[in-house]
Amino acid sequence: MNRSKAKIGLLTNLGKNLKVLSSAAAGGQKIIYQNLFLSIVVIGTLVIGAISGWFGLMAVIIGHEVSELIVIANGLCMMEG
């Protein structure tokens, strides 16, 4: 399909498409805020724990990697919805 046909298809049902795009953007924004909050909390906790001596280096590395996997898995939810 060429671009002009795609534009015509998009503009034909503009009202319907805007509702779908708006709801998809709102869902994506929620996931992005969840990821940002989780990242800030985990990094803050790991830095404070490492500096104060509560966590060893290996625990900090494992905690960081696990949090990355959680953020990636949460981001994959945007592809489904």
C-alpha atoms as a PDB file:
ATOM      1  CA  MET A   1       0.000   0.000   0.000  1.00  0.00           C
ATOM      2  CA  ASN A   2       1.407   3.378  -0.873  1.00  0.00           C
ATOM      3  CA  ARG A   3       1.389   6.413   1.358  1.00  0.00           C
ATOM      4  CA  SER A   4      -1.471   8.256  -0.299  1.00  0.00           C
ATOM      5  CA  LYS A   5      -3.801   5.284   0.146  1.00  0.00           C
ATOM      6  CA  ALA A   6      -2.709   4.944   3.772  1.00  0.00           C
ATOM      7  CA  LYS A   7      -3.418   8.639   4.387  1.00  0.00           C
ATOM      8  CA  ILE A   8      -6.854   8.324   2.795  1.00  0.00           C
ATOM      9  CA  GLY A   9      -7.597   5.263   4.937  1.00  0.00           C
ATOM     10  CA  LEU A  10      -6.528   7.100   8.068  1.00  0.00           C
ATOM     11  CA  LEU A  11      -8.513  10.228   7.274  1.00  0.00           C
ATOM     12  CA  THR A  12     -11.641   8.327   6.244  1.00  0.00           C
ATOM     13  CA  ASN A  13     -12.365   7.161   9.780  1.00  0.00           C
ATOM     14  CA  LEU A  14     -10.652  10.041  11.538  1.00  0.00           C
ATOM     15  CA  GLY A  15     -12.975  10.154  14.553  1.00  0.00           C
ATOM     16  CA  LYS A  16     -12.722   6.432  15.172  1.00  0.00           C
ATOM     17  CA  ASN A  17      -8.950   6.396  14.655  1.00  0.00           C
ATOM     18  CA  LEU A  18      -8.397   9.306  17.037  1.00  0.00           C
ATOM     19  CA  LYS A  19     -10.264   7.495  19.811  1.00  0.00           C
ATOM     20  CA  VAL A  20      -8.178   4.355  19.318  1.00  0.00           C
ATOM     21  CA  LEU A  21      -4.906   6.287  19.141  1.00  0.00           C
ATOM     22  CA  SER A  22      -5.793   8.362  22.200  1.00  0.00           C
ATOM     23  CA  SER A  23      -6.586   5.319  24.333  1.00  0.00           C
ATOM     24  CA  ALA A  24      -3.408   3.563  23.158  1.00  0.00           C
ATOM     25  CA  ALA A  25      -1.303   6.617  24.043  1.00  0.00           C
ATOM     26  CA  ALA A  26      -2.861   6.856  27.511  1.00  0.00           C
ATOM     27  CA  GLY A  27      -2.085   3.201  28.202  1.00  0.00           C
ATOM     28  CA  GLY A  28       1.481   3.618  26.996  1.00  0.00           C
ATOM     29  CA  GLN A  29       1.981   6.699  29.131  1.00  0.00           C
ATOM     30  CA  LYS A  30       0.838   4.793  32.222  1.00  0.00           C
ATOM     31  CA  ILE A  31       3.387   2.046  31.567  1.00  0.00           C
ATOM     32  CA  ILE A  32       6.155   4.602  31.016  1.00  0.00           C
ATOM     33  CA  TYR A  33       5.373   6.289  34.352  1.00  0.00           C
ATOM     34  CA  GLN A  34       5.366   2.885  36.081  1.00  0.00           C
ATOM     35  CA  ASN A  35       8.778   2.104  34.608  1.00  0.00           C
ATOM     36  CA  LEU A  36      10.204   5.482  35.625  1.00  0.00           C
ATOM     37  CA  PHE A  37       8.896   5.143  39.185  1.00  0.00           C
ATOM     38  CA  LEU A  38      10.227   1.602  39.545  1.00  0.00           C
ATOM     39  CA  SER A  39      13.627   2.589  38.167  1.00  0.00           C
ATOM     40  CA  ILE A  40      13.991   5.589  40.465  1.00  0.00           C
ATOM     41  CA  VAL A  41      12.966   3.604  43.554  1.00  0.00           C
ATOM     42  CA  VAL A  42      15.236   0.651  42.761  1.00  0.00           C
ATOM     43  CA  ILE A  43      18.270   2.760  41.879  1.00  0.00           C
ATOM     44  CA  GLY A  44      17.786   4.953  44.953  1.00  0.00           C
ATOM     45  CA  THR A  45      17.457   1.930  47.202  1.00  0.00           C
ATOM     46  CA  LEU A  46      20.488   0.212  45.702  1.00  0.00           C
ATOM     47  CA  VAL A  47      22.692   3.309  45.906  1.00  0.00           C
ATOM     48  CA  ILE A  48      21.755   4.009  49.525  1.00  0.00           C
ATOM     49  CA  GLY A  49      22.138   0.338  50.434  1.00  0.00           C
ATOM     50  CA  ALA A  50      25.526   0.071  48.743  1.00  0.00           C
ATOM     51  CA  ILE A  51      26.899   3.265  50.309  1.00  0.00           C
ATOM     52  CA  SER A  52      25.681   2.374  53.787  1.00  0.00           C
ATOM     53  CA  GLY A  53      26.992  -1.173  53.541  1.00  0.00           C
ATOM     54  CA  TRP A  54      23.612  -2.925  53.723  1.00  0.00           C
ATOM     55  CA  PHE A  55      24.127  -4.548  50.312  1.00  0.00           C
ATOM     56  CA  GLY A  56      27.265  -6.076  48.894  1.00  0.00           C
ATOM     57  CA  LEU A  57      28.363  -5.367  45.347  1.00  0.00           C
ATOM     58  CA  MET A  58      26.954  -8.646  44.047  1.00  0.00           C
ATOM     59  CA  ALA A  59      23.537  -7.975  45.594  1.00  0.00           C
ATOM     60  CA  VAL A  60      23.453  -4.514  44.021  1.00  0.00           C
ATOM     61  CA  ILE A  61      24.343  -5.899  40.588  1.00  0.00           C
ATOM     62  CA  ILE A  62      21.749  -8.665  40.808  1.00  0.00           C
ATOM     63  CA  GLY A  63      19.103  -6.228  42.064  1.00  0.00           C
ATOM     64  CA  HIS A  64      19.836  -3.862  39.215  1.00  0.00           C
ATOM     65  CA  GLU A  65      19.664  -6.592  36.589  1.00  0.00           C
ATOM     66  CA  VAL A  66      16.401  -7.973  37.966  1.00  0.00           C
ATOM     67  CA  SER A  67      14.876  -4.495  37.942  1.00  0.00           C
ATOM     68  CA  GLU A  68      15.935  -4.069  34.312  1.00  0.00           C
ATOM     69  CA  LEU A  69      14.193  -7.311  33.394  1.00  0.00           C
ATOM     70  CA  ILE A  70      11.025  -6.138  35.142  1.00  0.00           C
ATOM     71  CA  VAL A  71      11.098  -2.808  33.295  1.00  0.00           C
ATOM     72  CA  ILE A  72      11.646  -4.581  29.956  1.00  0.00           C
ATOM     73  CA  ALA A  73       8.787  -7.013  30.640  1.00  0.00           C
ATOM     74  CA  ASN A  74       6.526  -4.125  31.617  1.00  0.00           C
ATOM     75  CA  GLY A  75       7.508  -2.280  28.429  1.00  0.00           C
ATOM     76  CA  LEU A  76       6.569  -5.305  26.366  1.00  0.00           C
ATOM     77  CA  CYS A  77       3.025  -4.866  27.625  1.00  0.00           C
ATOM     78  CA  MET A  78       2.826  -1.770  25.405  1.00  0.00           C
ATOM     79  CA  MET A  79       3.287  -3.980  22.357  1.00  0.00           C
ATOM     80  CA  GLU A  80       0.359  -6.210  23.354  1.00  0.00           C
ATOM     81  CA  GLY A  81      -2.109  -3.467  24.171  1.00  0.00           C
END
